[in-house]
């Protein structure tokens, strides 16, 4: 006992001579027990060994987190290739990332708790804190935290980031075993986090269409993103806000067949129109009784005039004007149809919408061999355009590369350019009349006593106004 006391006194003297005053370390040395029995020494050694083992375990588990979650697609394919135990374990872990992460967290937590408990026992044997429990707690927390963070987290993760394939191969089987060992806890953790994820998702902030559109504007690099790609992205963002009425072919432009027509006359009409699907009506266009698919006619093309071609028509699909086109697209996919008859609030036929009309809202005008090119619109110069009055306002905006909601404040119930001008003027404008709105000038190029036929649109540039 005297021998130990002399060592402690010498240590205190040496430390005082170095610093000029008793340092904090001298207080720590003074708290070391001087009467350690053989059992105490053995306990300290066992505790130290257990702590080292758990720190190594924590380091391996922490490194596996960085290693597995930093693998590239090529590295994953290489790691999971073959039927070896490592490949099978890697494939399972990477196919279930939530279970892998839960296993890592549980194993790390288990090792950290074990280290704290064992270190507490070791400190109780080694030190005699007496009434200075706060000093003991502070000392234990400082040493254990520093050791765990440095050797159990920082250094292993740095190494794993630089050697992710090597660590992943080494830890694949152990991590799979850890997952199996802690399976009940892993299951509970994954399930609980899934519930929290769902709640957070429901309460999360939902971006508006305007915010998404603005995000595309400010993040699109002109060198990397073409104007066409940017237009497509904006169209996709606005896709769910557009209703069927905005894209449909208007009633006057719908080509339909009377159910009383003879088979020979039917073939002539179909040949002239060039459409693959045609609505069939009885008495008037408000009474659509079916859709005739031209492919269904091909086996009967040589039949007589009295052939009952009405037996070939298919059931029509009716949708309201207010239906959103994203919902219509889903219905087209589900019902495996390409044509919908649009009806108004009174049940009358308002127009017709096709799959092509929906796709054009994203990708722009799609012309086939039967479309007449440049008939409905043309660009005369950089700021002057010529449109047919029956053209949809959305199509005009797309062609002029302006926002689709530019005329939203004044269009009210209007869907076509002609309808928009009627809303602006309040009366049927005459030939050559000019209608001003913001920086747009509409000039009536062709009209009769009943409707507007062609319109010239002149866009005033900002620099011209200044």
Protein backbone atom coordinates (compact mmCIF):
# COMPACT_ATOMS: atom_id res chain seq x y z
CA UNK A 1 0.00 0.00 0.00
CA UNK A 2 2.87 2.34 0.86
CA UNK A 3 4.46 1.51 -2.49
CA UNK A 4 1.35 2.60 -4.38
CA UNK A 5 1.05 5.79 -2.35
CA UNK A 6 4.63 6.75 -3.15
CA UNK A 7 3.99 6.24 -6.90
CA UNK A 8 0.92 8.47 -6.78
CA UNK A 9 2.82 11.18 -4.85
CA UNK A 10 5.72 11.08 -7.30
CA UNK A 11 3.28 11.36 -10.22
CA UNK A 12 1.59 14.37 -8.63
CA UNK A 13 4.98 16.05 -8.08
CA UNK A 14 6.10 15.42 -11.66
CA UNK A 15 2.85 16.80 -13.10
CA UNK A 16 3.03 19.88 -10.89
CA UNK A 17 6.59 20.54 -11.99
CA UNK A 18 5.58 20.40 -15.67
CA UNK A 19 2.60 22.72 -15.54
CA UNK A 20 3.44 24.89 -12.61
CA UNK A 21 0.08 24.04 -10.94
CA UNK A 22 -1.81 20.81 -10.15
CA UNK A 23 -3.48 19.84 -13.49
CA UNK A 24 -6.76 17.96 -13.89
CA UNK A 25 -4.83 14.78 -14.70
CA UNK A 26 -3.37 14.79 -11.20
CA UNK A 27 -6.92 14.64 -9.83
CA UNK A 28 -7.67 11.64 -12.05
CA UNK A 29 -4.54 9.80 -10.94
CA UNK A 30 -5.42 10.60 -7.34
CA UNK A 31 -8.76 8.80 -7.79
CA UNK A 32 -7.18 5.54 -8.96
CA UNK A 33 -7.62 2.78 -6.43
CA UNK A 34 -4.31 1.78 -4.81
CA UNK A 35 -5.60 -1.46 -3.35
CA UNK A 36 -6.48 -3.57 -6.39
CA UNK A 37 -6.77 -7.25 -5.65
CA UNK A 38 -5.96 -9.98 -8.13
CA UNK A 39 -9.67 -10.38 -8.88
CA UNK A 40 -9.97 -6.63 -9.50
CA UNK A 41 -7.04 -6.65 -11.92
CA UNK A 42 -8.48 -9.66 -13.72
CA UNK A 43 -11.87 -7.89 -13.94
CA UNK A 44 -10.25 -4.76 -15.40
CA UNK A 45 -8.37 -6.79 -18.01
CA UNK A 46 -11.48 -8.74 -19.03
CA UNK A 47 -13.52 -5.53 -19.26
CA UNK A 48 -10.81 -3.85 -21.38
CA UNK A 49 -10.74 -6.89 -23.70
CA UNK A 50 -14.55 -6.90 -24.00
CA UNK A 51 -14.54 -3.15 -24.76
CA UNK A 52 -11.93 -3.63 -27.49
CA UNK A 53 -13.97 -6.49 -29.01
CA UNK A 54 -17.15 -4.42 -29.07
CA UNK A 55 -15.34 -1.37 -30.50
CA UNK A 56 -13.99 -3.55 -33.32
CA UNK A 57 -17.52 -4.94 -33.82
CA UNK A 58 -18.97 -1.41 -33.92
CA UNK A 59 -16.25 -0.33 -36.38
CA UNK A 60 -17.04 -3.23 -38.74
CA UNK A 61 -20.78 -2.60 -38.62
CA UNK A 62 -20.34 1.16 -39.18
CA UNK A 63 -18.00 0.58 -42.10
CA UNK A 64 -20.52 -1.79 -43.71
CA UNK A 65 -23.10 1.02 -43.73
CA UNK A 66 -20.90 3.29 -45.82
CA UNK A 67 -19.68 0.42 -47.97
CA UNK A 68 -23.06 -1.04 -48.98
CA UNK A 69 -24.81 2.29 -49.52
CA UNK A 70 -22.00 3.76 -51.65
CA UNK A 71 -21.85 0.94 -54.21
CA UNK A 72 -22.41 1.88 -57.82
CA UNK A 73 -24.69 -0.08 -60.15
CA UNK A 74 -21.71 -1.82 -61.75
CA UNK A 75 -20.24 -2.71 -58.35
CA UNK A 76 -23.58 -4.14 -57.21
CA UNK A 77 -23.76 -6.34 -60.30
CA UNK A 78 -20.20 -7.52 -59.69
CA UNK A 79 -20.84 -8.17 -55.99
CA UNK A 80 -24.06 -10.14 -56.51
CA UNK A 81 -22.81 -12.11 -59.50
CA UNK A 82 -22.60 -15.87 -59.05
CA UNK A 83 -24.02 -18.27 -56.48
CA UNK A 84 -21.45 -17.95 -53.72
CA UNK A 85 -22.45 -17.29 -50.13
CA UNK A 86 -21.13 -13.73 -50.35
CA UNK A 87 -23.09 -13.08 -53.55
CA UNK A 88 -26.32 -14.48 -52.08
CA UNK A 89 -25.95 -12.51 -48.85
CA UNK A 90 -25.09 -9.32 -50.75
CA UNK A 91 -28.06 -9.78 -53.06
CA UNK A 92 -30.43 -10.20 -50.10
CA UNK A 93 -29.07 -7.19 -48.21
CA UNK A 94 -29.06 -4.86 -51.23
CA UNK A 95 -32.56 -6.00 -52.21
CA UNK A 96 -33.80 -5.06 -48.73
CA UNK A 97 -32.04 -1.76 -47.90
CA UNK A 98 -34.43 -0.92 -45.04
CA UNK A 99 -33.74 -4.24 -43.33
CA UNK A 100 -30.00 -3.74 -43.87
CA UNK A 101 -30.07 -0.27 -42.33
CA UNK A 102 -32.20 -1.48 -39.42
CA UNK A 103 -29.74 -4.34 -38.77
CA UNK A 104 -26.81 -1.91 -38.77
CA UNK A 105 -28.54 0.48 -36.35
CA UNK A 106 -29.60 -2.28 -33.97
CA UNK A 107 -26.13 -3.93 -33.99
CA UNK A 108 -24.42 -0.58 -33.41
CA UNK A 109 -26.81 0.32 -30.60
CA UNK A 110 -26.29 -3.09 -28.99
CA UNK A 111 -22.48 -2.75 -29.11
CA UNK A 112 -22.54 0.83 -27.79
CA UNK A 113 -24.76 -0.13 -24.85
CA UNK A 114 -22.46 -3.06 -24.08
CA UNK A 115 -19.40 -0.80 -24.17
CA UNK A 116 -21.00 1.73 -21.81
CA UNK A 117 -22.09 -0.99 -19.35
CA UNK A 118 -18.72 -2.78 -19.33
CA UNK A 119 -16.77 0.48 -19.11
CA UNK A 120 -18.93 1.48 -16.13
CA UNK A 121 -17.96 -1.70 -14.34
CA UNK A 122 -14.28 -1.21 -15.21
CA UNK A 123 -14.29 2.38 -13.97
CA UNK A 124 -15.93 1.35 -10.69
CA UNK A 125 -13.15 -1.16 -10.08
CA UNK A 126 -10.28 1.10 -11.17
CA UNK A 127 -11.37 4.39 -9.58
CA UNK A 128 -12.68 5.50 -6.22
CA UNK A 129 -14.78 8.55 -6.93
CA UNK A 130 -16.30 8.63 -3.46
CA UNK A 131 -18.77 11.51 -3.38
CA UNK A 132 -17.44 12.92 -6.71
CA UNK A 133 -19.90 11.04 -8.89
CA UNK A 134 -20.14 13.87 -11.43
CA UNK A 135 -16.39 13.71 -12.05
CA UNK A 136 -16.65 9.97 -12.63
CA UNK A 137 -19.58 10.38 -15.01
CA UNK A 138 -17.83 13.16 -16.94
CA UNK A 139 -14.63 11.13 -17.21
CA UNK A 140 -16.42 8.01 -18.39
CA UNK A 141 -18.57 9.88 -20.96
CA UNK A 142 -15.58 11.77 -22.34
CA UNK A 143 -13.36 8.74 -22.78
CA UNK A 144 -16.07 6.40 -24.11
CA UNK A 145 -17.57 9.00 -26.49
CA UNK A 146 -14.17 9.94 -27.90
CA UNK A 147 -13.19 6.28 -28.33
CA UNK A 148 -16.50 5.28 -29.95
CA UNK A 149 -16.66 8.24 -32.34
CA UNK A 150 -13.02 8.01 -33.44
CA UNK A 151 -12.49 4.25 -33.63
CA UNK A 152 -16.07 3.06 -34.00
CA UNK A 153 -17.44 5.62 -36.50
CA UNK A 154 -15.10 8.11 -38.17
CA UNK A 155 -12.07 5.99 -39.06
CA UNK A 156 -14.07 2.90 -40.21
CA UNK A 157 -16.37 4.99 -42.41
CA UNK A 158 -13.46 6.84 -44.02
CA UNK A 159 -11.82 3.51 -44.80
CA UNK A 160 -15.09 2.02 -46.10
CA UNK A 161 -15.69 4.97 -48.43
CA UNK A 162 -12.35 4.32 -50.12
CA UNK A 163 -12.65 0.50 -50.09
CA UNK A 164 -16.39 -0.13 -50.39
CA UNK A 165 -16.11 -3.33 -52.48
CA UNK A 166 -13.55 -4.88 -50.14
CA UNK A 167 -15.59 -4.07 -47.02
CA UNK A 168 -18.86 -5.19 -48.65
CA UNK A 169 -17.42 -8.59 -49.56
CA UNK A 170 -15.96 -9.00 -46.07
CA UNK A 171 -19.16 -7.94 -44.24
CA UNK A 172 -21.85 -9.45 -46.49
CA UNK A 173 -22.16 -12.77 -44.67
CA UNK A 174 -21.72 -11.30 -41.13
CA UNK A 175 -24.37 -8.64 -41.79
CA UNK A 176 -26.75 -11.27 -43.15
CA UNK A 177 -26.19 -13.29 -39.97
CA UNK A 178 -26.75 -10.20 -37.82
CA UNK A 179 -30.02 -9.55 -39.66
CA UNK A 180 -31.17 -13.12 -38.94
CA UNK A 181 -30.06 -12.86 -35.28
CA UNK A 182 -31.91 -9.59 -34.68
CA UNK A 183 -34.79 -10.41 -37.04
CA UNK A 184 -37.65 -9.67 -34.57
CA UNK A 185 -36.17 -6.26 -33.72
CA UNK A 186 -35.44 -5.53 -37.39
CA UNK A 187 -39.04 -6.36 -38.31
CA UNK A 188 -40.45 -4.06 -35.61
CA UNK A 189 -38.09 -1.22 -36.57
CA UNK A 190 -38.87 -1.45 -40.30
CA UNK A 191 -42.63 -1.59 -39.66
CA UNK A 192 -42.58 1.36 -37.27
CA UNK A 193 -40.50 3.50 -39.63
CA UNK A 194 -42.85 2.62 -42.51
CA UNK A 195 -45.81 3.96 -40.51
CA UNK A 196 -43.88 7.15 -39.71
CA UNK A 197 -42.88 7.54 -43.38
CA UNK A 198 -46.52 7.32 -44.46
CA UNK A 199 -47.59 9.93 -41.91
CA UNK A 200 -44.78 12.29 -42.89
CA UNK A 201 -45.62 11.82 -46.57
CA UNK A 202 -49.26 12.70 -45.93
CA UNK A 203 -48.34 15.79 -43.92
CA UNK A 204 -45.47 16.79 -46.20
CA UNK A 205 -45.40 19.93 -48.29
CA UNK A 206 -46.98 19.52 -51.71
CA UNK A 207 -45.48 21.64 -54.44
CA UNK A 208 -47.92 23.56 -56.60
CA UNK A 209 -47.84 23.46 -60.38
CA UNK A 210 -46.56 27.05 -60.46
CA UNK A 211 -43.70 26.17 -58.09
CA UNK A 212 -42.70 23.18 -60.21
CA UNK A 213 -42.84 25.23 -63.41
CA UNK A 214 -40.72 27.93 -61.78
CA UNK A 215 -38.26 25.26 -60.62
CA UNK A 216 -37.87 24.05 -64.21
CA UNK A 217 -37.23 27.63 -65.36
CA UNK A 218 -34.51 28.36 -62.80
CA UNK A 219 -32.76 24.98 -62.90
CA UNK A 220 -32.74 24.32 -66.65
CA UNK A 221 -29.31 25.05 -68.10
CA UNK A 222 -29.66 26.21 -71.70
CA UNK A 223 -26.47 24.42 -72.67
CA UNK A 224 -27.67 21.09 -71.28
CA UNK A 225 -31.45 21.33 -71.75
CA UNK A 226 -32.92 22.13 -75.13
CA UNK A 227 -36.02 24.30 -75.53
CA UNK A 228 -38.00 21.25 -76.63
CA UNK A 229 -37.02 19.27 -73.51
CA UNK A 230 -37.94 22.22 -71.31
CA UNK A 231 -41.34 22.50 -73.05
CA UNK A 232 -41.98 18.79 -72.54
CA UNK A 233 -41.10 19.05 -68.82
CA UNK A 234 -43.50 21.97 -68.39
CA UNK A 235 -46.21 20.09 -70.27
CA UNK A 236 -45.81 17.10 -67.95
CA UNK A 237 -46.04 19.38 -64.88
CA UNK A 238 -49.26 21.01 -66.20
CA UNK A 239 -50.66 17.71 -67.48
CA UNK A 240 -52.93 17.06 -64.51
CA UNK A 241 -54.48 20.55 -64.61
CA UNK A 242 -55.84 20.35 -68.18
CA UNK A 243 -59.38 19.13 -68.77
CA UNK A 244 -60.81 17.34 -71.79
CA UNK A 245 -62.64 20.43 -73.06
CA UNK A 246 -59.31 22.20 -73.61
CA UNK A 247 -57.89 19.52 -75.92
CA UNK A 248 -60.93 17.98 -77.63
CA UNK A 249 -61.86 18.32 -81.27
CA UNK A 250 -64.83 20.67 -81.34
CA UNK A 251 -68.25 19.43 -82.48
CA UNK A 252 -68.15 21.20 -85.89
CA UNK A 253 -64.85 19.42 -86.67
CA UNK A 254 -66.02 15.92 -85.69
CA UNK A 255 -66.37 13.58 -88.67
CA UNK A 256 -69.17 11.12 -87.92
CA UNK A 257 -71.29 8.68 -89.92
CA UNK A 258 -75.08 8.45 -90.04
CA UNK A 259 -76.36 5.00 -89.12
CA UNK A 260 -78.72 5.01 -92.15
CA UNK A 261 -75.96 5.29 -94.75
CA UNK A 262 -75.48 2.43 -97.22
CA UNK A 263 -72.39 0.26 -97.01
CA UNK A 264 -71.01 1.49 -100.33
CA UNK A 265 -71.36 5.13 -99.29
CA UNK A 266 -69.75 4.30 -95.98
CA UNK A 267 -66.65 2.94 -97.73
CA UNK A 268 -66.36 6.09 -99.85
CA UNK A 269 -66.53 8.36 -96.79
CA UNK A 270 -63.98 6.34 -94.89
CA UNK A 271 -61.64 6.35 -97.87
CA UNK A 272 -61.94 10.14 -98.16
CA UNK A 273 -61.42 10.85 -94.45
CA UNK A 274 -58.56 8.44 -93.79
CA UNK A 275 -59.46 7.93 -90.13
CA UNK A 276 -59.01 4.61 -88.33
CA UNK A 277 -61.96 5.12 -85.96
CA UNK A 278 -65.19 7.00 -86.71
CA UNK A 279 -68.20 7.82 -84.46
CA UNK A 280 -71.60 6.58 -85.65
CA UNK A 281 -74.78 8.56 -84.82
CA UNK A 282 -78.54 8.09 -85.26
CA UNK A 283 -80.67 11.09 -86.29
CA UNK A 284 -78.14 13.71 -85.06
CA UNK A 285 -74.69 14.08 -83.53
CA UNK A 286 -76.12 14.24 -80.00
CA UNK A 287 -77.08 10.59 -80.30
CA UNK A 288 -73.79 8.72 -80.76
CA UNK A 289 -74.54 4.98 -80.82
CA UNK A 290 -71.05 3.58 -81.34
CA UNK A 291 -67.53 3.79 -82.74
CA UNK A 292 -66.66 2.05 -86.01
CA UNK A 293 -63.12 0.63 -86.20
CA UNK A 294 -62.00 0.54 -89.82
CA UNK A 295 -59.97 -2.62 -89.22
CA UNK A 296 -63.27 -4.39 -88.41
CA UNK A 297 -64.50 -3.51 -91.93
CA UNK A 298 -61.57 -5.02 -93.82
CA UNK A 299 -62.86 -8.64 -93.85
CA UNK A 300 -66.21 -7.38 -95.26
CA UNK A 301 -64.94 -4.89 -97.82
CA UNK A 302 -66.43 -6.81 -100.75
CA UNK A 303 -69.91 -7.17 -99.25
CA UNK A 304 -73.07 -5.81 -100.94
CA UNK A 305 -74.72 -2.46 -100.15
CA UNK A 306 -77.28 -4.12 -97.89
CA UNK A 307 -74.59 -5.48 -95.59
CA UNK A 308 -75.45 -4.73 -91.93
CA UNK A 309 -72.26 -2.86 -91.02
CA UNK A 310 -73.86 -1.57 -87.77
CA UNK A 311 -73.19 -5.00 -86.26
CA UNK A 312 -69.47 -4.10 -86.30
CA UNK A 313 -69.65 -0.92 -84.25
CA UNK A 314 -68.29 -0.91 -80.72
CA UNK A 315 -69.70 0.64 -77.59
CA UNK A 316 -68.81 4.35 -77.29
CA UNK A 317 -66.98 5.75 -74.29
CA UNK A 318 -68.47 9.02 -73.00
CA UNK A 319 -66.66 11.52 -70.79
CA UNK A 320 -67.66 14.95 -69.39
CA UNK A 321 -65.94 18.15 -70.48
CA UNK A 322 -64.52 18.66 -66.99
CA UNK A 323 -62.60 15.35 -66.87
CA UNK A 324 -58.84 15.80 -66.46
CA UNK A 325 -56.74 14.40 -69.27
CA UNK A 326 -54.45 12.46 -66.92
CA UNK A 327 -57.52 10.54 -65.72
CA UNK A 328 -58.65 10.10 -69.31
CA UNK A 329 -55.27 8.65 -70.25
CA UNK A 330 -55.57 6.11 -67.41
CA UNK A 331 -59.07 5.20 -68.61
CA UNK A 332 -57.78 4.76 -72.16
CA UNK A 333 -55.10 2.39 -70.87
CA UNK A 334 -57.50 0.48 -68.64
CA UNK A 335 -60.35 0.16 -71.16
CA UNK A 336 -57.95 -0.24 -74.12
CA UNK A 337 -59.70 2.39 -76.23
CA UNK A 338 -58.37 5.41 -78.10
CA UNK A 339 -61.46 7.57 -78.61
CA UNK A 340 -63.81 9.29 -76.17
CA UNK A 341 -67.00 11.20 -76.98
CA UNK A 342 -67.12 14.39 -74.91
CA UNK A 343 -70.57 15.41 -73.65
CA UNK A 344 -71.72 18.69 -72.11
CA UNK A 345 -73.81 19.19 -68.98
CA UNK A 346 -77.02 18.51 -70.92
CA UNK A 347 -75.79 15.23 -72.40
CA UNK A 348 -75.27 16.63 -75.89
CA UNK A 349 -72.15 15.87 -77.91
CA UNK A 350 -69.60 18.60 -77.33
CA UNK A 351 -66.68 17.07 -79.22
CA UNK A 352 -64.29 14.14 -79.39
CA UNK A 353 -60.97 13.43 -77.66
CA UNK A 354 -58.41 10.88 -78.79
CA UNK A 355 -55.16 9.40 -77.49
CA UNK A 356 -53.31 11.55 -80.02
CA UNK A 357 -54.86 14.71 -78.54
CA UNK A 358 -53.56 13.76 -75.09
CA UNK A 359 -50.05 12.96 -76.30
CA UNK A 360 -49.90 16.25 -78.21
CA UNK A 361 -50.33 18.08 -74.91
CA UNK A 362 -46.91 16.73 -73.89
CA UNK A 363 -44.94 16.33 -77.11
CA UNK A 364 -46.59 18.95 -79.32
CA UNK A 365 -48.30 18.50 -82.65
CA UNK A 366 -48.18 14.96 -84.07
CA UNK A 367 -48.81 14.81 -87.81
CA UNK A 368 -49.52 11.62 -89.73
CA UNK A 369 -49.78 11.02 -93.48
CA UNK A 370 -53.40 12.21 -93.53
CA UNK A 371 -52.83 15.52 -91.74
CA UNK A 372 -52.77 18.62 -93.90
CA UNK A 373 -49.63 20.47 -92.99
CA UNK A 374 -49.60 24.16 -92.10
CA UNK A 375 -53.32 24.56 -92.79
CA UNK A 376 -54.38 25.64 -89.31
CA UNK A 377 -51.44 27.90 -88.49
CA UNK A 378 -48.29 29.47 -89.92
CA UNK A 379 -45.52 31.81 -88.76
CA UNK A 380 -45.19 34.88 -90.96
CA UNK A 381 -42.21 36.41 -89.12
CA UNK A 382 -40.67 36.53 -85.64
CA UNK A 383 -43.70 38.19 -84.05
CA UNK A 384 -46.59 37.57 -86.49
CA UNK A 385 -48.67 34.39 -86.76
CA UNK A 386 -51.68 33.28 -88.79
CA UNK A 387 -54.21 30.90 -87.24
CA UNK A 388 -57.52 29.36 -88.13
CA UNK A 389 -60.12 30.68 -85.70
CA UNK A 390 -61.27 27.15 -84.80
CA UNK A 391 -57.82 26.32 -83.39
CA UNK A 392 -57.70 25.70 -79.64
CA UNK A 393 -56.24 28.45 -77.47
CA UNK A 394 -53.84 25.96 -75.85
CA UNK A 395 -52.51 24.94 -79.27
CA UNK A 396 -52.01 28.60 -80.22
CA UNK A 397 -50.07 29.24 -77.00
CA UNK A 398 -47.92 26.17 -77.59
CA UNK A 399 -47.13 27.19 -81.17
CA UNK A 400 -46.26 30.74 -80.10
CA UNK A 401 -44.22 29.37 -77.16
CA UNK A 402 -46.09 31.34 -74.49
CA UNK A 403 -47.61 30.20 -71.21
CA UNK A 404 -50.95 28.34 -71.64
CA UNK A 405 -52.62 30.49 -68.95
CA UNK A 406 -51.79 33.79 -70.72
CA UNK A 407 -55.45 34.34 -71.66
CA UNK A 408 -56.96 32.62 -68.62
CA UNK A 409 -58.43 35.84 -67.19
CA UNK A 410 -60.51 36.65 -70.27
CA UNK A 411 -61.25 33.33 -71.95
CA UNK A 412 -64.14 32.39 -69.59
CA UNK A 413 -65.95 29.57 -71.48
CA UNK A 414 -64.02 30.03 -74.73
CA UNK A 415 -61.74 27.21 -75.95
CA UNK A 416 -60.93 28.37 -79.50
CA UNK A 417 -59.28 31.52 -80.82
CA UNK A 418 -62.56 32.59 -82.41
CA UNK A 419 -64.40 32.16 -79.11
CA UNK A 420 -61.69 34.17 -77.32
CA UNK A 421 -62.11 37.08 -79.75
CA UNK A 422 -65.88 37.00 -79.28
CA UNK A 423 -65.31 37.29 -75.53
CA UNK A 424 -62.93 40.24 -76.06
CA UNK A 425 -65.05 42.17 -78.56
CA UNK A 426 -68.49 41.31 -77.18
CA UNK A 427 -69.79 41.04 -80.75
CA UNK A 428 -68.92 39.33 -84.03
CA UNK A 429 -65.95 41.35 -85.36
CA UNK A 430 -65.83 42.34 -89.01
CA UNK A 431 -63.13 41.64 -91.60
CA UNK A 432 -59.92 43.60 -90.93
CA UNK A 433 -60.97 44.62 -87.41
CA UNK A 434 -58.18 44.80 -84.80
CA UNK A 435 -58.61 43.65 -81.21
CA UNK A 436 -55.99 44.59 -78.62
CA UNK A 437 -55.14 42.63 -75.48
CA UNK A 438 -51.99 43.26 -73.42
CA UNK A 439 -49.09 42.97 -75.92
CA UNK A 440 -51.16 41.04 -78.50
CA UNK A 441 -52.98 42.44 -81.52
CA UNK A 442 -55.58 40.19 -83.20
CA UNK A 443 -56.47 41.05 -86.80
CA UNK A 444 -59.50 39.38 -88.43
CA UNK A 445 -58.19 38.03 -91.76
CA UNK A 446 -61.26 36.03 -92.83
CA UNK A 447 -64.85 35.99 -91.55
CA UNK A 448 -68.44 35.65 -92.70
CA UNK A 449 -71.78 36.66 -91.20
CA UNK A 450 -71.78 33.73 -88.77
CA UNK A 451 -68.20 33.15 -87.60
CA UNK A 452 -64.54 34.15 -87.67
CA UNK A 453 -62.41 31.99 -89.97
CA UNK A 454 -58.81 33.23 -89.82
CA UNK A 455 -56.93 35.46 -87.40
CA UNK A 456 -53.54 37.15 -87.56
CA UNK A 457 -51.80 37.52 -84.19
CA UNK A 458 -49.10 40.17 -83.75
CA UNK A 459 -46.96 40.03 -80.61
CA UNK A 460 -45.54 43.36 -79.48
CA UNK A 461 -42.03 42.96 -78.12
CA UNK A 462 -41.07 44.65 -74.85
CA UNK A 463 -38.30 46.64 -76.49
CA UNK A 464 -40.79 47.94 -79.09
CA UNK A 465 -43.07 49.26 -76.33
CA UNK A 466 -40.15 51.09 -74.70
